[in-house]
């Protein structure tokens, strides 16, 4: 997530937080929720990602911005830490640090999990570990490097923020442009792209190979690259052959993009927002680029902001995609979260939902500032963590640990939290 710069200073909200306005119009028969805080005795400060293990134990892995790791378990009385520690070589500063986590599809057999982290402003690694349930030292020492991104010089931001696996066991990774702009249009450079790789599964051996079905942008293109033209992807989800992700804008436009086929190009740094709007003044050839499914600016008059009665009065923006429900028999959401994308803005705090094939028609879901890590537990509920405040540039700020919330279906709530 990048601090929105806002070169054009827009009028802030006419009302402060908890503004009293007209409640948003919610279509009938759609998902409506509230957030219940769950007790979580954690060692983590600013949780950036979590993942439940693929069994019915309620165990999950979680990481925070500053290099801490935790193996925890969710039960009827809340979540408790089982084992924790800190990777001391993580470089963390505001939106750089330990950002992405994924569990291997064969975790039950191999215990593998993966973490993406900054080691410096210009250095990002994707690492694989083997979980040793009773020993952080042993877990730490199992480290191998799957992917390394190092440039001569770059800002701290626009890193690897989301990763996971598809049904075939292929790993996908959303990679920011490291603030360097041009690599996002270079099909030989992994920066600013969605990549698909096959990480090593050999104990003690890192690296990766590439699947055979990647697009060929050109004879020289990197075979791992699946889509290009991405700036700063802050959290994304894979669902049944498509990737949904938020791309944080430079000064004007936030985007929710959908990758549905190999070889797409989302335009950055030539295009931001809808191509025909040409907000960057580049006079682009719009036949070359894919428009976002949702885009919005920094004005307080945006409907998304107006619908949130508790919107934070700020002109900062940071779009994200939160969760797409994985259908289950004992569904506490009564099927209303199936094929529905949850997305929002971390700074303003609005959270919205939309049908997966009709993202342009979204509705207000709730208010939460800085949601970061999402997971669907064996109890079939979705859980989310949030930052306790805007992250400081270094650990030890005195903020409380990241809260953990259970998302509960509630069609009768009247506070529009």
Protein backbone atom coordinates (compact mmCIF):
# COMPACT_ATOMS: atom_id res chain seq x y z
CA UNK A 1 0.00 0.00 0.00
CA UNK A 2 1.39 3.41 -0.96
CA UNK A 3 0.77 6.69 0.77
CA UNK A 4 -1.45 8.62 -1.63
CA UNK A 5 0.32 11.84 -2.55
CA UNK A 6 -2.56 13.98 -3.82
CA UNK A 7 -0.84 16.65 -5.94
CA UNK A 8 -4.22 18.25 -6.55
CA UNK A 9 -5.72 19.15 -3.20
CA UNK A 10 -9.39 18.33 -3.25
CA UNK A 11 -12.07 19.61 -0.95
CA UNK A 12 -12.27 17.42 2.12
CA UNK A 13 -15.53 16.12 3.43
CA UNK A 14 -18.03 18.68 4.64
CA UNK A 15 -18.56 16.58 7.73
CA UNK A 16 -16.11 14.81 9.99
CA UNK A 17 -16.02 11.13 10.88
CA UNK A 18 -19.37 9.57 11.76
CA UNK A 19 -21.04 12.12 9.54
CA UNK A 20 -24.80 12.12 9.64
CA UNK A 21 -26.07 11.81 6.10
CA UNK A 22 -28.59 9.81 4.15
CA UNK A 23 -28.08 6.05 4.55
CA UNK A 24 -27.02 4.30 1.35
CA UNK A 25 -29.51 2.39 -0.75
CA UNK A 26 -28.92 -1.34 -0.34
CA UNK A 27 -30.50 -3.56 -3.03
CA UNK A 28 -32.87 -6.21 -1.67
CA UNK A 29 -31.62 -9.74 -1.14
CA UNK A 30 -27.89 -9.02 -1.16
CA UNK A 31 -25.06 -9.67 1.29
CA UNK A 32 -25.12 -7.42 4.38
CA UNK A 33 -22.67 -7.88 7.23
CA UNK A 34 -21.38 -6.66 10.56
CA UNK A 35 -17.94 -7.14 12.14
CA UNK A 36 -17.55 -8.93 15.47
CA UNK A 37 -14.15 -8.52 17.14
CA UNK A 38 -12.68 -11.85 18.17
CA UNK A 39 -10.22 -12.20 21.09
CA UNK A 40 -6.73 -12.74 19.69
CA UNK A 41 -3.75 -13.01 22.01
CA UNK A 42 -1.18 -12.20 19.35
CA UNK A 43 2.44 -11.10 19.23
CA UNK A 44 1.92 -9.35 15.88
CA UNK A 45 1.65 -5.57 15.52
CA UNK A 46 0.48 -4.67 12.01
CA UNK A 47 -0.81 -7.90 10.46
CA UNK A 48 -0.43 -7.87 6.68
CA UNK A 49 -1.56 -11.39 5.71
CA UNK A 50 -2.87 -14.65 7.08
CA UNK A 51 -3.83 -18.07 5.74
CA UNK A 52 -5.72 -20.95 7.33
CA UNK A 53 -4.17 -24.39 7.02
CA UNK A 54 -6.09 -26.74 4.69
CA UNK A 55 -7.68 -28.90 7.39
CA UNK A 56 -10.39 -28.56 10.03
CA UNK A 57 -8.04 -27.58 12.86
CA UNK A 58 -8.67 -23.83 12.77
CA UNK A 59 -4.91 -23.26 12.67
CA UNK A 60 -3.54 -20.40 10.62
CA UNK A 61 -0.28 -18.67 9.79
CA UNK A 62 0.04 -14.89 10.02
CA UNK A 63 2.70 -12.25 9.41
CA UNK A 64 3.12 -8.60 10.29
CA UNK A 65 4.75 -5.69 8.53
CA UNK A 66 7.91 -5.75 10.65
CA UNK A 67 9.02 -9.35 10.12
CA UNK A 68 7.11 -11.21 12.82
CA UNK A 69 5.56 -14.61 12.11
CA UNK A 70 2.96 -16.54 14.04
CA UNK A 71 1.40 -19.99 13.98
CA UNK A 72 -1.97 -19.64 15.72
CA UNK A 73 -5.26 -21.44 16.24
CA UNK A 74 -8.82 -20.13 16.11
CA UNK A 75 -11.28 -21.73 18.51
CA UNK A 76 -14.61 -21.04 20.15
CA UNK A 77 -13.03 -18.58 22.59
CA UNK A 78 -10.95 -16.72 20.02
CA UNK A 79 -7.46 -17.11 18.58
CA UNK A 80 -4.28 -18.00 20.44
CA UNK A 81 -0.63 -18.06 19.42
CA UNK A 82 1.01 -21.49 19.23
CA UNK A 83 4.46 -20.43 18.08
CA UNK A 84 5.99 -17.15 16.98
CA UNK A 85 9.23 -15.41 16.09
CA UNK A 86 10.77 -12.67 13.96
CA UNK A 87 12.74 -12.67 10.72
CA UNK A 88 15.41 -10.11 11.56
CA UNK A 89 16.47 -9.24 8.02
CA UNK A 90 13.11 -7.76 6.94
CA UNK A 91 13.28 -4.10 5.96
CA UNK A 92 10.07 -2.33 7.03
CA UNK A 93 9.05 1.27 6.49
CA UNK A 94 5.39 2.29 6.21
CA UNK A 95 4.37 0.29 3.10
CA UNK A 96 7.48 -1.81 2.70
CA UNK A 97 8.08 -4.91 4.78
CA UNK A 98 6.63 -8.37 5.08
CA UNK A 99 3.49 -8.19 2.96
CA UNK A 100 2.35 -11.47 1.39
CA UNK A 101 1.78 -15.04 2.61
CA UNK A 102 0.57 -18.26 0.99
CA UNK A 103 0.31 -21.89 2.06
CA UNK A 104 1.36 -24.67 -0.30
CA UNK A 105 -1.49 -26.81 -1.69
CA UNK A 106 0.34 -29.89 -0.34
CA UNK A 107 0.92 -28.33 3.08
CA UNK A 108 -0.47 -31.39 4.89
CA UNK A 109 2.37 -33.46 3.43
CA UNK A 110 5.24 -30.98 3.09
CA UNK A 111 4.53 -28.16 5.60
CA UNK A 112 5.60 -25.53 3.04
CA UNK A 113 4.52 -21.89 3.17
CA UNK A 114 5.74 -18.77 1.37
CA UNK A 115 6.40 -15.18 2.45
CA UNK A 116 7.15 -12.11 0.32
CA UNK A 117 9.21 -9.43 2.04
CA UNK A 118 11.48 -6.45 1.49
CA UNK A 119 15.11 -6.80 2.49
CA UNK A 120 15.84 -3.21 1.39
CA UNK A 121 14.03 -0.48 -0.52
CA UNK A 122 15.28 -2.02 -3.78
CA UNK A 123 15.31 -5.69 -2.79
CA UNK A 124 12.33 -8.07 -2.54
CA UNK A 125 12.38 -11.82 -1.93
CA UNK A 126 9.77 -14.54 -2.13
CA UNK A 127 10.85 -17.27 0.29
CA UNK A 128 9.71 -20.77 1.13
CA UNK A 129 9.72 -22.19 4.66
CA UNK A 130 8.87 -25.52 6.22
CA UNK A 131 6.74 -25.18 9.34
CA UNK A 132 8.26 -26.75 12.43
CA UNK A 133 5.31 -26.57 14.79
CA UNK A 134 7.32 -26.29 17.99
CA UNK A 135 10.33 -24.32 16.83
CA UNK A 136 10.54 -20.93 15.17
CA UNK A 137 14.32 -21.33 14.87
CA UNK A 138 13.90 -24.53 12.90
CA UNK A 139 11.19 -22.92 10.76
CA UNK A 140 13.44 -19.91 10.09
CA UNK A 141 16.41 -22.08 9.19
CA UNK A 142 14.41 -23.98 6.56
CA UNK A 143 14.36 -20.87 4.36
CA UNK A 144 15.03 -21.09 0.63
CA UNK A 145 14.65 -18.26 -1.89
CA UNK A 146 12.10 -18.91 -4.62
CA UNK A 147 12.21 -15.53 -6.37
CA UNK A 148 14.50 -12.52 -5.98
CA UNK A 149 13.81 -9.03 -7.31
CA UNK A 150 16.68 -6.57 -6.98
CA UNK A 151 17.11 -3.28 -8.84
CA UNK A 152 19.95 -0.78 -8.64
CA UNK A 153 17.81 1.84 -6.94
CA UNK A 154 14.12 2.34 -6.22
CA UNK A 155 11.66 3.78 -3.73
CA UNK A 156 10.45 1.48 -0.96
CA UNK A 157 6.93 1.01 -2.30
CA UNK A 158 5.10 -1.13 -4.90
CA UNK A 159 6.27 -4.57 -3.82
CA UNK A 160 4.88 -8.13 -3.84
CA UNK A 161 1.64 -7.89 -1.86
CA UNK A 162 -0.44 -10.95 -2.77
CA UNK A 163 0.29 -14.53 -3.77
CA UNK A 164 -1.48 -17.86 -3.92
CA UNK A 165 -2.12 -20.98 -5.97
CA UNK A 166 -4.65 -21.93 -8.61
CA UNK A 167 -6.43 -25.27 -8.96
CA UNK A 168 -3.50 -26.74 -10.90
CA UNK A 169 -0.97 -25.88 -8.22
CA UNK A 170 0.54 -22.98 -10.16
CA UNK A 171 1.64 -20.10 -7.94
CA UNK A 172 0.51 -16.60 -8.87
CA UNK A 173 2.21 -13.45 -7.62
CA UNK A 174 1.15 -9.79 -7.96
CA UNK A 175 4.28 -7.66 -8.38
CA UNK A 176 4.39 -3.86 -8.13
CA UNK A 177 6.53 -1.67 -10.36
CA UNK A 178 8.84 -0.59 -7.47
CA UNK A 179 8.04 3.02 -8.34
CA UNK A 180 10.06 2.76 -11.54
CA UNK A 181 7.16 3.22 -14.00
CA UNK A 182 8.67 1.89 -17.27
CA UNK A 183 9.18 -1.78 -16.27
CA UNK A 184 5.39 -2.20 -16.09
CA UNK A 185 5.30 -2.04 -19.91
CA UNK A 186 8.38 -4.23 -20.37
CA UNK A 187 7.40 -7.85 -20.95
CA UNK A 188 10.95 -8.96 -20.17
CA UNK A 189 10.79 -7.47 -16.65
CA UNK A 190 8.77 -9.03 -13.82
CA UNK A 191 8.04 -5.66 -12.20
CA UNK A 192 4.50 -4.35 -12.67
CA UNK A 193 2.97 -7.68 -13.62
CA UNK A 194 1.05 -10.76 -12.59
CA UNK A 195 3.41 -13.72 -12.80
CA UNK A 196 2.73 -17.48 -12.66
CA UNK A 197 5.48 -19.84 -11.52
CA UNK A 198 6.09 -23.36 -10.26
CA UNK A 199 8.13 -22.96 -7.07
CA UNK A 200 10.66 -25.60 -6.15
CA UNK A 201 9.21 -28.33 -3.93
CA UNK A 202 12.59 -29.87 -3.13
CA UNK A 203 13.66 -29.60 0.51
CA UNK A 204 16.54 -27.13 0.80
CA UNK A 205 16.36 -26.07 -2.87
CA UNK A 206 14.90 -22.76 -4.05
CA UNK A 207 14.10 -21.29 -7.44
CA UNK A 208 11.22 -21.93 -9.81
CA UNK A 209 10.24 -23.05 -13.27
CA UNK A 210 7.43 -21.66 -15.42
CA UNK A 211 4.22 -23.30 -16.66
CA UNK A 212 3.94 -23.98 -20.36
CA UNK A 213 0.72 -22.01 -20.96
CA UNK A 214 1.93 -18.44 -20.37
CA UNK A 215 1.34 -15.73 -23.01
CA UNK A 216 4.09 -14.72 -25.41
CA UNK A 217 4.06 -10.92 -25.62
CA UNK A 218 7.14 -11.19 -27.80
CA UNK A 219 9.92 -13.71 -28.47
CA UNK A 220 11.89 -12.03 -25.69
CA UNK A 221 9.12 -11.90 -23.07
CA UNK A 222 9.62 -13.57 -19.71
CA UNK A 223 7.58 -16.81 -19.70
CA UNK A 224 6.44 -16.18 -16.11
CA UNK A 225 4.56 -12.99 -17.04
CA UNK A 226 0.78 -13.36 -17.49
CA UNK A 227 -0.39 -9.71 -17.42
CA UNK A 228 1.41 -6.34 -17.48
CA UNK A 229 0.75 -2.64 -16.94
CA UNK A 230 0.26 -2.89 -13.15
CA UNK A 231 1.39 -0.14 -10.78
CA UNK A 232 0.82 -0.87 -7.09
CA UNK A 233 -1.38 -3.92 -6.49
CA UNK A 234 -2.62 -3.76 -2.90
CA UNK A 235 -4.20 -7.15 -2.26
CA UNK A 236 -5.86 -9.37 -4.83
CA UNK A 237 -7.73 -12.67 -5.08
CA UNK A 238 -7.78 -15.56 -7.50
CA UNK A 239 -11.18 -17.10 -8.21
CA UNK A 240 -12.01 -19.74 -10.82
CA UNK A 241 -9.63 -18.62 -13.55
CA UNK A 242 -9.67 -14.88 -12.82
CA UNK A 243 -7.65 -12.50 -10.66
CA UNK A 244 -9.31 -9.51 -9.00
CA UNK A 245 -7.02 -6.85 -7.52
CA UNK A 246 -6.87 -3.23 -6.45
CA UNK A 247 -4.25 -1.06 -8.15
CA UNK A 248 -3.38 2.05 -6.12
CA UNK A 249 -3.18 5.16 -8.27
CA UNK A 250 -0.58 7.89 -8.55
CA UNK A 251 -2.53 11.10 -7.93
CA UNK A 252 -5.93 10.77 -9.52
CA UNK A 253 -7.53 7.34 -9.92
CA UNK A 254 -7.89 4.08 -7.96
CA UNK A 255 -8.67 0.91 -9.93
CA UNK A 256 -10.17 -2.53 -9.41
CA UNK A 257 -8.93 -4.71 -12.26
CA UNK A 258 -9.83 -8.20 -13.44
CA UNK A 259 -7.36 -10.47 -15.23
CA UNK A 260 -9.43 -12.97 -17.18
CA UNK A 261 -7.09 -14.04 -20.00
CA UNK A 262 -3.35 -14.23 -20.67
CA UNK A 263 -1.66 -11.26 -22.26
CA UNK A 264 -3.71 -8.39 -20.84
CA UNK A 265 -2.18 -4.93 -20.42
CA UNK A 266 -3.63 -2.53 -17.83
CA UNK A 267 -1.82 0.46 -19.21
CA UNK A 268 0.42 1.81 -16.46
CA UNK A 269 2.37 4.11 -16.81
CA UNK A 270 0.70 5.21 -20.05
CA UNK A 271 -2.86 4.99 -18.75
CA UNK A 272 -4.53 5.43 -15.37
CA UNK A 273 -8.25 4.80 -15.01
CA UNK A 274 -10.37 4.46 -18.16
CA UNK A 275 -8.18 4.86 -21.22
CA UNK A 276 -10.50 7.30 -22.98
CA UNK A 277 -10.45 9.63 -19.94
CA UNK A 278 -6.71 10.13 -20.59
CA UNK A 279 -6.10 11.63 -17.14
CA UNK A 280 -2.33 11.46 -17.69
CA UNK A 281 -2.53 13.33 -20.99
CA UNK A 282 -0.63 10.72 -22.99
CA UNK A 283 -3.10 10.42 -25.89
CA UNK A 284 -2.92 6.61 -25.71
CA UNK A 285 -3.94 4.05 -28.30
CA UNK A 286 -6.82 2.52 -26.33
CA UNK A 287 -6.88 -0.62 -28.44
CA UNK A 288 -3.74 -1.70 -26.57
CA UNK A 289 -5.04 -1.51 -22.99
CA UNK A 290 -7.64 -3.06 -20.70
CA UNK A 291 -9.82 -0.71 -18.68
CA UNK A 292 -10.46 -1.24 -14.96
CA UNK A 293 -13.83 -2.67 -13.96
CA UNK A 294 -14.13 -0.06 -11.20
CA UNK A 295 -12.32 3.25 -10.86
CA UNK A 296 -12.77 6.31 -8.67
CA UNK A 297 -10.97 9.49 -7.72
CA UNK A 298 -10.10 11.43 -4.60
CA UNK A 299 -13.17 13.65 -4.44
CA UNK A 300 -15.49 13.51 -1.45
CA UNK A 301 -18.39 13.59 -3.90
CA UNK A 302 -17.71 10.04 -5.09
CA UNK A 303 -20.77 7.87 -4.40
CA UNK A 304 -18.62 5.27 -2.64
CA UNK A 305 -17.59 7.93 -0.12
CA UNK A 306 -21.06 9.40 0.20
CA UNK A 307 -22.51 5.96 1.01
CA UNK A 308 -20.18 5.51 3.99
CA UNK A 309 -21.68 7.43 6.93
CA UNK A 310 -18.43 6.91 8.87
CA UNK A 311 -16.04 7.84 6.04
CA UNK A 312 -12.68 9.15 7.17
CA UNK A 313 -12.16 12.81 6.12
CA UNK A 314 -9.05 12.40 3.98
CA UNK A 315 -8.00 12.82 0.37
CA UNK A 316 -5.66 9.83 0.64
CA UNK A 317 -6.76 6.69 -1.19
CA UNK A 318 -5.67 3.04 -1.26
CA UNK A 319 -7.94 0.58 -3.04
CA UNK A 320 -7.97 -3.13 -2.21
CA UNK A 321 -9.82 -6.33 -3.06
CA UNK A 322 -10.80 -8.23 0.06
CA UNK A 323 -12.47 -11.62 -0.28
CA UNK A 324 -14.46 -13.86 -2.61
CA UNK A 325 -16.28 -16.58 -0.69
CA UNK A 326 -15.33 -20.21 -1.23
CA UNK A 327 -18.66 -22.05 -1.34
CA UNK A 328 -19.28 -24.49 1.50
CA UNK A 329 -22.18 -26.62 2.66
CA UNK A 330 -22.65 -24.92 6.04
CA UNK A 331 -22.69 -21.37 4.71
CA UNK A 332 -23.47 -18.74 7.38
CA UNK A 333 -23.96 -16.18 4.59
CA UNK A 334 -26.83 -18.19 3.06
CA UNK A 335 -25.25 -18.17 -0.39
CA UNK A 336 -25.24 -14.36 -0.63
CA UNK A 337 -21.43 -14.16 -0.70
CA UNK A 338 -21.10 -16.70 -3.51
CA UNK A 339 -19.68 -15.06 -6.66
CA UNK A 340 -19.52 -11.72 -4.87
CA UNK A 341 -16.34 -9.61 -4.65
CA UNK A 342 -15.68 -7.50 -1.56
CA UNK A 343 -13.51 -4.44 -2.16
CA UNK A 344 -12.93 -1.02 -0.67
CA UNK A 345 -10.60 1.81 0.23
CA UNK A 346 -8.23 1.46 3.19
CA UNK A 347 -7.98 5.18 3.93
CA UNK A 348 -11.58 6.33 3.51
CA UNK A 349 -12.74 3.08 5.09
CA UNK A 350 -15.65 2.22 2.84
CA UNK A 351 -16.18 -1.46 2.10
CA UNK A 352 -18.39 -2.53 -0.79
CA UNK A 353 -19.59 -5.68 -2.53
CA UNK A 354 -20.49 -6.49 -6.12
CA UNK A 355 -21.50 -9.52 -8.13
CA UNK A 356 -18.46 -11.03 -9.74
CA UNK A 357 -19.74 -10.45 -13.29
CA UNK A 358 -21.22 -7.01 -12.60
CA UNK A 359 -18.60 -5.12 -10.63
CA UNK A 360 -19.84 -1.74 -11.79
CA UNK A 361 -23.02 -2.15 -9.70
CA UNK A 362 -21.74 -2.37 -6.14
CA UNK A 363 -23.42 -1.67 -2.81
CA UNK A 364 -22.20 -0.42 0.56
CA UNK A 365 -21.19 -3.23 2.91
CA UNK A 366 -19.63 -1.49 5.90
CA UNK A 367 -16.82 0.68 7.23
CA UNK A 368 -13.35 -0.52 8.19
CA UNK A 369 -10.11 1.40 7.89
CA UNK A 370 -6.95 -0.42 6.82
CA UNK A 371 -8.26 -4.00 6.45
CA UNK A 372 -5.29 -6.12 5.43
CA UNK A 373 -5.51 -9.88 5.95
CA UNK A 374 -8.48 -12.08 5.05
CA UNK A 375 -9.14 -15.78 5.54
CA UNK A 376 -11.99 -18.27 5.49
CA UNK A 377 -11.91 -20.57 8.51
CA UNK A 378 -13.17 -24.15 8.93
CA UNK A 379 -16.23 -22.73 10.72
CA UNK A 380 -17.14 -21.25 7.29
CA UNK A 381 -16.91 -17.65 8.51
CA UNK A 382 -14.61 -15.10 6.88
CA UNK A 383 -12.16 -13.35 9.22
CA UNK A 384 -10.30 -10.10 8.63
CA UNK A 385 -7.58 -8.18 10.43
CA UNK A 386 -6.93 -4.47 10.18
CA UNK A 387 -4.14 -2.11 11.05
CA UNK A 388 -4.81 -0.37 14.38
CA UNK A 389 -3.81 2.92 12.71
CA UNK A 390 -1.91 4.20 9.69
CA UNK A 391 1.40 2.31 9.89
CA UNK A 392 4.40 4.21 11.25
CA UNK A 393 7.77 4.10 9.54
CA UNK A 394 9.19 1.75 12.19
CA UNK A 395 8.01 -0.73 14.78
CA UNK A 396 7.49 0.19 18.41
CA UNK A 397 4.93 2.95 17.89
CA UNK A 398 2.91 1.89 20.92
CA UNK A 399 -0.20 1.02 18.90
CA UNK A 400 -2.27 -1.98 20.05
CA UNK A 401 -2.00 -5.28 18.12
CA UNK A 402 -4.05 -5.71 14.96
CA UNK A 403 -7.64 -6.63 15.83
CA UNK A 404 -9.25 -9.76 14.38
CA UNK A 405 -12.88 -9.66 13.24
CA UNK A 406 -15.40 -12.32 12.30
CA UNK A 407 -17.66 -11.17 9.47
CA UNK A 408 -21.25 -12.07 10.26
CA UNK A 409 -24.25 -11.97 7.94
CA UNK A 410 -26.76 -9.47 9.33
CA UNK A 411 -29.56 -8.25 7.05
CA UNK A 412 -31.20 -6.28 9.87
CA UNK A 413 -28.37 -4.07 11.12
CA UNK A 414 -29.14 -0.38 11.20
CA UNK A 415 -25.81 1.24 12.06
CA UNK A 416 -24.18 0.69 8.65
CA UNK A 417 -20.88 0.24 10.44
